[in-house]
Full PDB file with SEQRES, HELIX, SHEET, SSBOND, CRYST1, ORIGX, SCALE, CONECT and MASTER records, all heavy atoms in Angstrom:
SEQRES   1 A   39  ALA GLY PHE SER ASN VAL SER TYR GLY LEU VAL CYS GLN          
SEQRES   2 A   39  GLU LEU GLU ARG GLY ASP SER ALA ILE ARG SER CYS VAL          
SEQRES   3 A   39  SER VAL GLN GLY SER LEU SER MET TYR PRO ILE HIS ALA          
HELIX    1 AA1 ASN A    5  GLY A   18  1                                  14    
HELIX    2 AA2 SER A   20  SER A   27  1                                   8    
HELIX    3 AA3 VAL A   28  MET A   34  3                                   7    
HELIX    4 AA4 TYR A   35  HIS A   38  1                                   4    
CRYST1    1.000    1.000    1.000  90.00  90.00  90.00 P 1           1          
ORIGX1      1.000000  0.000000  0.000000        0.00000                         
ORIGX2      0.000000  1.000000  0.000000        0.00000                         
ORIGX3      0.000000  0.000000  1.000000        0.00000                         
SCALE1      1.000000  0.000000  0.000000        0.00000                         
SCALE2      0.000000  1.000000  0.000000        0.00000                         
SCALE3      0.000000  0.000000  1.000000        0.00000                         
ATOM      1  N   ALA A   1      -4.941  -2.437   1.981  1.00  0.00           N  
ATOM      2  CA  ALA A   1      -5.744  -1.239   1.732  1.00  0.00           C  
ATOM      3  C   ALA A   1      -7.227  -1.436   2.025  1.00  0.00           C  
ATOM      4  O   ALA A   1      -7.921  -0.467   2.340  1.00  0.00           O  
ATOM      5  CB  ALA A   1      -5.557  -0.777   0.285  1.00  0.00           C  
ATOM      6  N   GLY A   2      -7.734  -2.663   1.891  1.00  0.00           N  
ATOM      7  CA  GLY A   2      -9.146  -2.910   2.156  1.00  0.00           C  
ATOM      8  C   GLY A   2     -10.086  -2.300   1.129  1.00  0.00           C  
ATOM      9  O   GLY A   2     -11.221  -1.947   1.446  1.00  0.00           O  
ATOM     10  N   PHE A   3      -9.626  -2.213  -0.131  1.00  0.00           N  
ATOM     11  CA  PHE A   3     -10.479  -1.675  -1.192  1.00  0.00           C  
ATOM     12  C   PHE A   3     -11.605  -2.652  -1.526  1.00  0.00           C  
ATOM     13  O   PHE A   3     -11.535  -3.849  -1.223  1.00  0.00           O  
ATOM     14  CB  PHE A   3      -9.664  -1.434  -2.473  1.00  0.00           C  
ATOM     15  CG  PHE A   3      -8.646  -0.342  -2.371  1.00  0.00           C  
ATOM     16  CD1 PHE A   3      -7.531  -0.353  -3.217  1.00  0.00           C  
ATOM     17  CD2 PHE A   3      -8.774   0.706  -1.481  1.00  0.00           C  
ATOM     18  CE1 PHE A   3      -6.577   0.646  -3.156  1.00  0.00           C  
ATOM     19  CE2 PHE A   3      -7.827   1.718  -1.410  1.00  0.00           C  
ATOM     20  CZ  PHE A   3      -6.726   1.684  -2.255  1.00  0.00           C  
ATOM     21  N   SER A   4     -12.615  -2.151  -2.222  1.00  0.00           N  
ATOM     22  CA  SER A   4     -13.664  -3.018  -2.748  1.00  0.00           C  
ATOM     23  C   SER A   4     -13.086  -3.898  -3.847  1.00  0.00           C  
ATOM     24  O   SER A   4     -12.015  -3.618  -4.407  1.00  0.00           O  
ATOM     25  CB  SER A   4     -14.813  -2.187  -3.323  1.00  0.00           C  
ATOM     26  OG  SER A   4     -14.418  -1.541  -4.539  1.00  0.00           O  
ATOM     27  N   ASN A   5     -13.814  -4.966  -4.166  1.00  0.00           N  
ATOM     28  CA  ASN A   5     -13.377  -5.824  -5.259  1.00  0.00           C  
ATOM     29  C   ASN A   5     -13.489  -5.116  -6.605  1.00  0.00           C  
ATOM     30  O   ASN A   5     -12.732  -5.429  -7.533  1.00  0.00           O  
ATOM     31  CB  ASN A   5     -14.182  -7.128  -5.258  1.00  0.00           C  
ATOM     32  CG  ASN A   5     -13.725  -8.070  -4.171  1.00  0.00           C  
ATOM     33  OD1 ASN A   5     -12.626  -8.612  -4.220  1.00  0.00           O  
ATOM     34  ND2 ASN A   5     -14.561  -8.271  -3.165  1.00  0.00           N  
ATOM     35  N   VAL A   6     -14.412  -4.170  -6.730  1.00  0.00           N  
ATOM     36  CA  VAL A   6     -14.479  -3.380  -7.956  1.00  0.00           C  
ATOM     37  C   VAL A   6     -13.225  -2.510  -8.086  1.00  0.00           C  
ATOM     38  O   VAL A   6     -12.642  -2.395  -9.172  1.00  0.00           O  
ATOM     39  CB  VAL A   6     -15.763  -2.524  -7.995  1.00  0.00           C  
ATOM     40  CG1 VAL A   6     -15.716  -1.524  -9.148  1.00  0.00           C  
ATOM     41  CG2 VAL A   6     -16.995  -3.425  -8.133  1.00  0.00           C  
ATOM     42  N   SER A   7     -12.784  -1.918  -6.973  1.00  0.00           N  
ATOM     43  CA  SER A   7     -11.530  -1.152  -7.013  1.00  0.00           C  
ATOM     44  C   SER A   7     -10.370  -2.033  -7.447  1.00  0.00           C  
ATOM     45  O   SER A   7      -9.547  -1.644  -8.289  1.00  0.00           O  
ATOM     46  CB  SER A   7     -11.226  -0.551  -5.633  1.00  0.00           C  
ATOM     47  OG  SER A   7     -12.034   0.552  -5.351  1.00  0.00           O  
ATOM     48  N   TYR A   8     -10.300  -3.236  -6.866  1.00  0.00           N  
ATOM     49  CA  TYR A   8      -9.226  -4.155  -7.247  1.00  0.00           C  
ATOM     50  C   TYR A   8      -9.309  -4.497  -8.729  1.00  0.00           C  
ATOM     51  O   TYR A   8      -8.284  -4.552  -9.427  1.00  0.00           O  
ATOM     52  CB  TYR A   8      -9.298  -5.426  -6.403  1.00  0.00           C  
ATOM     53  CG  TYR A   8      -8.332  -6.493  -6.857  1.00  0.00           C  
ATOM     54  CD1 TYR A   8      -6.967  -6.263  -6.873  1.00  0.00           C  
ATOM     55  CD2 TYR A   8      -8.792  -7.741  -7.275  1.00  0.00           C  
ATOM     56  CE1 TYR A   8      -6.075  -7.232  -7.303  1.00  0.00           C  
ATOM     57  CE2 TYR A   8      -7.913  -8.726  -7.698  1.00  0.00           C  
ATOM     58  CZ  TYR A   8      -6.559  -8.468  -7.718  1.00  0.00           C  
ATOM     59  OH  TYR A   8      -5.689  -9.416  -8.152  1.00  0.00           O  
ATOM     60  N   GLY A   9     -10.524  -4.705  -9.237  1.00  0.00           N  
ATOM     61  CA  GLY A   9     -10.681  -4.981 -10.657  1.00  0.00           C  
ATOM     62  C   GLY A   9     -10.184  -3.829 -11.511  1.00  0.00           C  
ATOM     63  O   GLY A   9      -9.494  -4.033 -12.525  1.00  0.00           O  
ATOM     64  N   LEU A  10     -10.507  -2.616 -11.120  1.00  0.00           N  
ATOM     65  CA  LEU A  10     -10.048  -1.440 -11.860  1.00  0.00           C  
ATOM     66  C   LEU A  10      -8.527  -1.313 -11.823  1.00  0.00           C  
ATOM     67  O   LEU A  10      -7.896  -0.896 -12.801  1.00  0.00           O  
ATOM     68  CB  LEU A  10     -10.699  -0.180 -11.296  1.00  0.00           C  
ATOM     69  CG  LEU A  10     -12.214  -0.059 -11.547  1.00  0.00           C  
ATOM     70  CD1 LEU A  10     -12.820   1.006 -10.642  1.00  0.00           C  
ATOM     71  CD2 LEU A  10     -12.497   0.255 -13.013  1.00  0.00           C  
ATOM     72  N   VAL A  11      -7.928  -1.683 -10.684  1.00  0.00           N  
ATOM     73  CA  VAL A  11      -6.466  -1.712 -10.593  1.00  0.00           C  
ATOM     74  C   VAL A  11      -5.905  -2.670 -11.639  1.00  0.00           C  
ATOM     75  O   VAL A  11      -4.965  -2.335 -12.388  1.00  0.00           O  
ATOM     76  CB  VAL A  11      -6.021  -2.135  -9.177  1.00  0.00           C  
ATOM     77  CG1 VAL A  11      -4.533  -2.498  -9.161  1.00  0.00           C  
ATOM     78  CG2 VAL A  11      -6.305  -1.027  -8.170  1.00  0.00           C  
ATOM     79  N   CYS A  12      -6.467  -3.872 -11.705  1.00  0.00           N  
ATOM     80  CA  CYS A  12      -5.991  -4.864 -12.677  1.00  0.00           C  
ATOM     81  C   CYS A  12      -6.179  -4.376 -14.107  1.00  0.00           C  
ATOM     82  O   CYS A  12      -5.312  -4.565 -14.969  1.00  0.00           O  
ATOM     83  CB  CYS A  12      -6.727  -6.188 -12.465  1.00  0.00           C  
ATOM     84  SG  CYS A  12      -6.301  -7.039 -10.929  1.00  0.00           S  
ATOM     85  N   GLN A  13      -7.305  -3.741 -14.359  1.00  0.00           N  
ATOM     86  CA  GLN A  13      -7.586  -3.210 -15.694  1.00  0.00           C  
ATOM     87  C   GLN A  13      -6.520  -2.211 -16.119  1.00  0.00           C  
ATOM     88  O   GLN A  13      -5.976  -2.290 -17.231  1.00  0.00           O  
ATOM     89  CB  GLN A  13      -8.955  -2.543 -15.684  1.00  0.00           C  
ATOM     90  CG  GLN A  13      -9.306  -1.762 -16.942  1.00  0.00           C  
ATOM     91  CD  GLN A  13     -10.605  -1.000 -16.767  1.00  0.00           C  
ATOM     92  OE1 GLN A  13     -11.677  -1.599 -16.723  1.00  0.00           O  
ATOM     93  NE2 GLN A  13     -10.534   0.318 -16.658  1.00  0.00           N  
ATOM     94  N   GLU A  14      -6.215  -1.265 -15.257  1.00  0.00           N  
ATOM     95  CA  GLU A  14      -5.252  -0.225 -15.616  1.00  0.00           C  
ATOM     96  C   GLU A  14      -3.835  -0.773 -15.715  1.00  0.00           C  
ATOM     97  O   GLU A  14      -3.060  -0.375 -16.592  1.00  0.00           O  
ATOM     98  CB  GLU A  14      -5.333   0.930 -14.618  1.00  0.00           C  
ATOM     99  CG  GLU A  14      -6.668   1.649 -14.606  1.00  0.00           C  
ATOM    100  CD  GLU A  14      -7.080   2.191 -15.969  1.00  0.00           C  
ATOM    101  OE1 GLU A  14      -6.192   2.670 -16.722  1.00  0.00           O  
ATOM    102  OE2 GLU A  14      -8.273   2.118 -16.299  1.00  0.00           O  
ATOM    103  N   LEU A  15      -3.484  -1.700 -14.820  1.00  0.00           N  
ATOM    104  CA  LEU A  15      -2.139  -2.279 -14.870  1.00  0.00           C  
ATOM    105  C   LEU A  15      -1.925  -3.075 -16.155  1.00  0.00           C  
ATOM    106  O   LEU A  15      -0.859  -3.006 -16.767  1.00  0.00           O  
ATOM    107  CB  LEU A  15      -1.905  -3.185 -13.654  1.00  0.00           C  
ATOM    108  CG  LEU A  15      -1.783  -2.498 -12.299  1.00  0.00           C  
ATOM    109  CD1 LEU A  15      -1.618  -3.535 -11.198  1.00  0.00           C  
ATOM    110  CD2 LEU A  15      -0.617  -1.513 -12.265  1.00  0.00           C  
ATOM    111  N   GLU A  16      -2.944  -3.814 -16.574  1.00  0.00           N  
ATOM    112  CA  GLU A  16      -2.756  -4.650 -17.764  1.00  0.00           C  
ATOM    113  C   GLU A  16      -2.788  -3.820 -19.046  1.00  0.00           C  
ATOM    114  O   GLU A  16      -2.256  -4.254 -20.066  1.00  0.00           O  
ATOM    115  CB  GLU A  16      -3.792  -5.774 -17.827  1.00  0.00           C  
ATOM    116  CG  GLU A  16      -3.434  -6.852 -18.825  1.00  0.00           C  
ATOM    117  CD  GLU A  16      -3.752  -8.258 -18.361  1.00  0.00           C  
ATOM    118  OE1 GLU A  16      -4.279  -8.435 -17.246  1.00  0.00           O  
ATOM    119  OE2 GLU A  16      -3.461  -9.208 -19.111  1.00  0.00           O  
ATOM    120  N   ARG A  17      -3.378  -2.640 -18.996  1.00  0.00           N  
ATOM    121  CA  ARG A  17      -3.225  -1.733 -20.132  1.00  0.00           C  
ATOM    122  C   ARG A  17      -1.750  -1.420 -20.314  1.00  0.00           C  
ATOM    123  O   ARG A  17      -1.272  -1.206 -21.440  1.00  0.00           O  
ATOM    124  CB  ARG A  17      -4.032  -0.456 -19.912  1.00  0.00           C  
ATOM    125  CG  ARG A  17      -3.955   0.522 -21.086  1.00  0.00           C  
ATOM    126  CD  ARG A  17      -4.861   1.717 -20.863  1.00  0.00           C  
ATOM    127  NE  ARG A  17      -4.443   2.522 -19.707  1.00  0.00           N  
ATOM    128  CZ  ARG A  17      -3.578   3.507 -19.749  1.00  0.00           C  
ATOM    129  NH1 ARG A  17      -2.996   3.838 -20.903  1.00  0.00           N  
ATOM    130  NH2 ARG A  17      -3.264   4.195 -18.660  1.00  0.00           N  
ATOM    131  N   GLY A  18      -1.011  -1.374 -19.211  1.00  0.00           N  
ATOM    132  CA  GLY A  18       0.439  -1.217 -19.306  1.00  0.00           C  
ATOM    133  C   GLY A  18       1.085  -2.469 -19.845  1.00  0.00           C  
ATOM    134  O   GLY A  18       1.723  -2.455 -20.904  1.00  0.00           O  
ATOM    135  N   ASP A  19       0.893  -3.575 -19.158  1.00  0.00           N  
ATOM    136  CA  ASP A  19       1.401  -4.867 -19.633  1.00  0.00           C  
ATOM    137  C   ASP A  19       0.878  -5.966 -18.718  1.00  0.00           C  
ATOM    138  O   ASP A  19       0.739  -5.765 -17.506  1.00  0.00           O  
ATOM    139  CB  ASP A  19       2.930  -4.899 -19.643  1.00  0.00           C  
ATOM    140  CG  ASP A  19       3.477  -6.077 -20.433  1.00  0.00           C  
ATOM    141  OD1 ASP A  19       3.561  -5.968 -21.671  1.00  0.00           O  
ATOM    142  OD2 ASP A  19       3.797  -7.113 -19.825  1.00  0.00           O  
ATOM    143  N   SER A  20       0.617  -7.122 -19.305  1.00  0.00           N  
ATOM    144  CA  SER A  20       0.135  -8.258 -18.520  1.00  0.00           C  
ATOM    145  C   SER A  20       1.126  -8.656 -17.433  1.00  0.00           C  
ATOM    146  O   SER A  20       0.736  -9.190 -16.393  1.00  0.00           O  
ATOM    147  CB  SER A  20      -0.131  -9.467 -19.429  1.00  0.00           C  
ATOM    148  OG  SER A  20      -1.132  -9.183 -20.378  1.00  0.00           O  
ATOM    149  N   ALA A  21       2.406  -8.393 -17.649  1.00  0.00           N  
ATOM    150  CA  ALA A  21       3.415  -8.750 -16.652  1.00  0.00           C  
ATOM    151  C   ALA A  21       3.222  -7.975 -15.359  1.00  0.00           C  
ATOM    152  O   ALA A  21       3.416  -8.517 -14.264  1.00  0.00           O  
ATOM    153  CB  ALA A  21       4.813  -8.499 -17.208  1.00  0.00           C  
ATOM    154  N   ILE A  22       2.839  -6.703 -15.468  1.00  0.00           N  
ATOM    155  CA  ILE A  22       2.660  -5.877 -14.268  1.00  0.00           C  
ATOM    156  C   ILE A  22       1.430  -6.355 -13.505  1.00  0.00           C  
ATOM    157  O   ILE A  22       1.471  -6.515 -12.282  1.00  0.00           O  
ATOM    158  CB  ILE A  22       2.527  -4.396 -14.646  1.00  0.00           C  
ATOM    159  CG1 ILE A  22       3.663  -3.956 -15.598  1.00  0.00           C  
ATOM    160  CG2 ILE A  22       2.511  -3.543 -13.389  1.00  0.00           C  
ATOM    161  CD1 ILE A  22       5.041  -4.102 -15.022  1.00  0.00           C  
ATOM    162  N   ARG A  23       0.334  -6.588 -14.230  1.00  0.00           N  
ATOM    163  CA  ARG A  23      -0.863  -7.109 -13.563  1.00  0.00           C  
ATOM    164  C   ARG A  23      -0.604  -8.486 -12.971  1.00  0.00           C  
ATOM    165  O   ARG A  23      -1.050  -8.805 -11.863  1.00  0.00           O  
ATOM    166  CB  ARG A  23      -2.030  -7.143 -14.548  1.00  0.00           C  
ATOM    167  CG  ARG A  23      -3.410  -7.291 -13.882  1.00  0.00           C  
ATOM    168  CD  ARG A  23      -3.830  -8.738 -13.725  1.00  0.00           C  
ATOM    169  NE  ARG A  23      -3.710  -9.431 -14.986  1.00  0.00           N  
ATOM    170  CZ  ARG A  23      -3.390 -10.718 -15.079  1.00  0.00           C  
ATOM    171  NH1 ARG A  23      -3.143 -11.444 -14.005  1.00  0.00           N  
ATOM    172  NH2 ARG A  23      -3.288 -11.294 -16.264  1.00  0.00           N  
ATOM    173  N   SER A  24       0.132  -9.326 -13.679  1.00  0.00           N  
ATOM    174  CA  SER A  24       0.427 -10.669 -13.174  1.00  0.00           C  
ATOM    175  C   SER A  24       1.195 -10.613 -11.864  1.00  0.00           C  
ATOM    176  O   SER A  24       0.920 -11.378 -10.935  1.00  0.00           O  
ATOM    177  CB  SER A  24       1.226 -11.470 -14.209  1.00  0.00           C  
ATOM    178  OG  SER A  24       0.456 -11.759 -15.345  1.00  0.00           O  
ATOM    179  N   CYS A  25       2.173  -9.720 -11.783  1.00  0.00           N  
ATOM    180  CA  CYS A  25       2.953  -9.578 -10.554  1.00  0.00           C  
ATOM    181  C   CYS A  25       2.051  -9.225  -9.385  1.00  0.00           C  
ATOM    182  O   CYS A  25       2.135  -9.823  -8.306  1.00  0.00           O  
ATOM    183  CB  CYS A  25       4.022  -8.515 -10.748  1.00  0.00           C  
ATOM    184  SG  CYS A  25       4.964  -8.129  -9.251  1.00  0.00           S  
ATOM    185  N   VAL A  26       1.161  -8.258  -9.591  1.00  0.00           N  
ATOM    186  CA  VAL A  26       0.260  -7.818  -8.529  1.00  0.00           C  
ATOM    187  C   VAL A  26      -0.758  -8.896  -8.200  1.00  0.00           C  
ATOM    188  O   VAL A  26      -1.094  -9.147  -7.036  1.00  0.00           O  
ATOM    189  CB  VAL A  26      -0.431  -6.506  -8.934  1.00  0.00           C  
ATOM    190  CG1 VAL A  26      -1.531  -6.123  -7.952  1.00  0.00           C  
ATOM    191  CG2 VAL A  26       0.600  -5.384  -9.028  1.00  0.00           C  
ATOM    192  N   SER A  27      -1.257  -9.577  -9.224  1.00  0.00           N  
ATOM    193  CA  SER A  27      -2.253 -10.628  -9.041  1.00  0.00           C  
ATOM    194  C   SER A  27      -1.682 -11.806  -8.261  1.00  0.00           C  
ATOM    195  O   SER A  27      -2.310 -12.320  -7.324  1.00  0.00           O  
ATOM    196  CB  SER A  27      -2.761 -11.093 -10.407  1.00  0.00           C  
ATOM    197  OG  SER A  27      -3.691 -12.144 -10.278  1.00  0.00           O  
ATOM    198  N   VAL A  28      -0.487 -12.234  -8.637  1.00  0.00           N  
ATOM    199  CA  VAL A  28       0.142 -13.356  -7.934  1.00  0.00           C  
ATOM    200  C   VAL A  28       0.455 -12.980  -6.489  1.00  0.00           C  
ATOM    201  O   VAL A  28       0.256 -13.783  -5.570  1.00  0.00           O  
ATOM    202  CB  VAL A  28       1.409 -13.818  -8.681  1.00  0.00           C  
ATOM    203  CG1 VAL A  28       2.239 -14.779  -7.826  1.00  0.00           C  
ATOM    204  CG2 VAL A  28       1.029 -14.484  -9.990  1.00  0.00           C  
ATOM    205  N   GLN A  29       0.923 -11.763  -6.290  1.00  0.00           N  
ATOM    206  CA  GLN A  29       1.230 -11.319  -4.933  1.00  0.00           C  
ATOM    207  C   GLN A  29      -0.025 -11.314  -4.061  1.00  0.00           C  
ATOM    208  O   GLN A  29      -0.030 -11.853  -2.951  1.00  0.00           O  
ATOM    209  CB  GLN A  29       1.844  -9.917  -4.979  1.00  0.00           C  
ATOM    210  CG  GLN A  29       2.150  -9.306  -3.632  1.00  0.00           C  
ATOM    211  CD  GLN A  29       3.481  -9.732  -3.054  1.00  0.00           C  
ATOM    212  OE1 GLN A  29       4.017 -10.771  -3.409  1.00  0.00           O  
ATOM    213  NE2 GLN A  29       4.041  -8.935  -2.155  1.00  0.00           N  
ATOM    214  N   GLY A  30      -1.094 -10.698  -4.561  1.00  0.00           N  
ATOM    215  CA  GLY A  30      -2.288 -10.522  -3.738  1.00  0.00           C  
ATOM    216  C   GLY A  30      -3.194 -11.732  -3.699  1.00  0.00           C  
ATOM    217  O   GLY A  30      -3.524 -12.249  -2.627  1.00  0.00           O  
ATOM    218  N   SER A  31      -3.590 -12.227  -4.870  1.00  0.00           N  
ATOM    219  CA  SER A  31      -4.599 -13.281  -4.946  1.00  0.00           C  
ATOM    220  C   SER A  31      -4.043 -14.665  -4.650  1.00  0.00           C  
ATOM    221  O   SER A  31      -4.751 -15.517  -4.103  1.00  0.00           O  
ATOM    222  CB  SER A  31      -5.248 -13.280  -6.335  1.00  0.00           C  
ATOM    223  OG  SER A  31      -5.936 -12.075  -6.572  1.00  0.00           O  
ATOM    224  N   LEU A  32      -2.791 -14.910  -5.031  1.00  0.00           N  
ATOM    225  CA  LEU A  32      -2.252 -16.263  -4.917  1.00  0.00           C  
ATOM    226  C   LEU A  32      -1.269 -16.447  -3.764  1.00  0.00           C  
ATOM    227  O   LEU A  32      -1.022 -17.584  -3.353  1.00  0.00           O  
ATOM    228  CB  LEU A  32      -1.569 -16.657  -6.236  1.00  0.00           C  
ATOM    229  CG  LEU A  32      -2.476 -16.697  -7.470  1.00  0.00           C  
ATOM    230  CD1 LEU A  32      -1.692 -17.160  -8.695  1.00  0.00           C  
ATOM    231  CD2 LEU A  32      -3.686 -17.588  -7.247  1.00  0.00           C  
ATOM    232  N   SER A  33      -0.713 -15.360  -3.253  1.00  0.00           N  
ATOM    233  CA  SER A  33       0.261 -15.495  -2.160  1.00  0.00           C  
ATOM    234  C   SER A  33      -0.265 -14.918  -0.843  1.00  0.00           C  
ATOM    235  O   SER A  33      -0.228 -15.576   0.193  1.00  0.00           O  
ATOM    236  CB  SER A  33       1.575 -14.792  -2.545  1.00  0.00           C  
ATOM    237  OG  SER A  33       2.104 -15.325  -3.739  1.00  0.00           O  
ATOM    238  N   MET A  34      -0.770 -13.691  -0.889  1.00  0.00           N  
ATOM    239  CA  MET A  34      -1.301 -13.084   0.328  1.00  0.00           C  
ATOM    240  C   MET A  34      -2.650 -13.679   0.715  1.00  0.00           C  
ATOM    241  O   MET A  34      -2.920 -13.924   1.901  1.00  0.00           O  
ATOM    242  CB  MET A  34      -1.425 -11.570   0.147  1.00  0.00           C  
ATOM    243  CG  MET A  34      -0.095 -10.865  -0.052  1.00  0.00           C  
ATOM    244  SD  MET A  34      -0.261  -9.105  -0.462  1.00  0.00           S  
ATOM    245  CE  MET A  34      -0.869  -8.444   1.096  1.00  0.00           C  
ATOM    246  N   TYR A  35      -3.514 -13.901  -0.266  1.00  0.00           N  
ATOM    247  CA  TYR A  35      -4.852 -14.420   0.034  1.00  0.00           C  
ATOM    248  C   TYR A  35      -4.821 -15.736   0.810  1.00  0.00           C  
ATOM    249  O   TYR A  35      -5.529 -15.871   1.819  1.00  0.00           O  
ATOM    250  CB  TYR A  35      -5.671 -14.576  -1.247  1.00  0.00           C  
ATOM    251  CG  TYR A  35      -6.988 -15.282  -1.019  1.00  0.00           C  
ATOM    252  CD1 TYR A  35      -8.092 -14.611  -0.493  1.00  0.00           C  
ATOM    253  CD2 TYR A  35      -7.118 -16.643  -1.287  1.00  0.00           C  
ATOM    254  CE1 TYR A  35      -9.292 -15.268  -0.260  1.00  0.00           C  
ATOM    255  CE2 TYR A  35      -8.313 -17.313  -1.065  1.00  0.00           C  
ATOM    256  CZ  TYR A  35      -9.395 -16.614  -0.546  1.00  0.00           C  
ATOM    257  OH  TYR A  35     -10.577 -17.290  -0.307  1.00  0.00           O  
ATOM    258  N   PRO A  36      -4.040 -16.756   0.395  1.00  0.00           N  
ATOM    259  CA  PRO A  36      -4.056 -18.005   1.173  1.00  0.00           C  
ATOM    260  C   PRO A  36      -3.548 -17.838   2.605  1.00  0.00           C  
ATOM    261  O   PRO A  36      -4.033 -18.520   3.514  1.00  0.00           O  
ATOM    262  CB  PRO A  36      -3.170 -18.950   0.357  1.00  0.00           C  
ATOM    263  CG  PRO A  36      -2.374 -18.073  -0.541  1.00  0.00           C  
ATOM    264  CD  PRO A  36      -3.233 -16.883  -0.825  1.00  0.00           C  
ATOM    265  N   ILE A  37      -2.576 -16.947   2.810  1.00  0.00           N  
ATOM    266  CA  ILE A  37      -2.134 -16.685   4.183  1.00  0.00           C  
ATOM    267  C   ILE A  37      -3.258 -16.003   4.957  1.00  0.00           C  
ATOM    268  O   ILE A  37      -3.553 -16.356   6.105  1.00  0.00           O  
ATOM    269  CB  ILE A  37      -0.857 -15.820   4.183  1.00  0.00           C  
ATOM    270  CG1 ILE A  37       0.304 -16.568   3.520  1.00  0.00           C  
ATOM    271  CG2 ILE A  37      -0.482 -15.413   5.610  1.00  0.00           C  
ATOM    272  CD1 ILE A  37       1.554 -15.729   3.333  1.00  0.00           C  
ATOM    273  N   HIS A  38      -3.902 -15.035   4.323  1.00  0.00           N  
ATOM    274  CA  HIS A  38      -5.002 -14.291   4.945  1.00  0.00           C  
ATOM    275  C   HIS A  38      -6.182 -15.208   5.258  1.00  0.00           C  
ATOM    276  O   HIS A  38      -6.812 -15.096   6.319  1.00  0.00           O  
ATOM    277  CB  HIS A  38      -5.432 -13.164   4.007  1.00  0.00           C  
ATOM    278  CG  HIS A  38      -6.339 -12.142   4.624  1.00  0.00           C  
ATOM    279  ND1 HIS A  38      -7.704 -12.304   4.702  1.00  0.00           N  
ATOM    280  CD2 HIS A  38      -6.071 -10.923   5.178  1.00  0.00           C  
ATOM    281  CE1 HIS A  38      -8.246 -11.245   5.280  1.00  0.00           C  
ATOM    282  NE2 HIS A  38      -7.277 -10.390   5.583  1.00  0.00           N  
ATOM    283  N   ALA A  39      -6.495 -16.134   4.351  1.00  0.00           N  
ATOM    284  CA  ALA A  39      -7.681 -16.981   4.496  1.00  0.00           C  
ATOM    285  C   ALA A  39      -7.422 -18.244   5.307  1.00  0.00           C  
ATOM    286  O   ALA A  39      -8.308 -18.703   6.045  1.00  0.00           O  
ATOM    287  CB  ALA A  39      -8.214 -17.361   3.108  1.00  0.00           C  
TER     288      ALA A  39                                                      
MASTER        0    0    0    4    0    0    0    6  287    1    0    3          
END                                                                             
């Protein structure tokens, strides 16, 4: 999507209001799995 890092932070904020598991899934996918391939 190419969002700003503030947008990504807001995504994490809203997801974790639901549950840490949902934010964790998205965080691991993007920051820990996609990011190293991208970088």
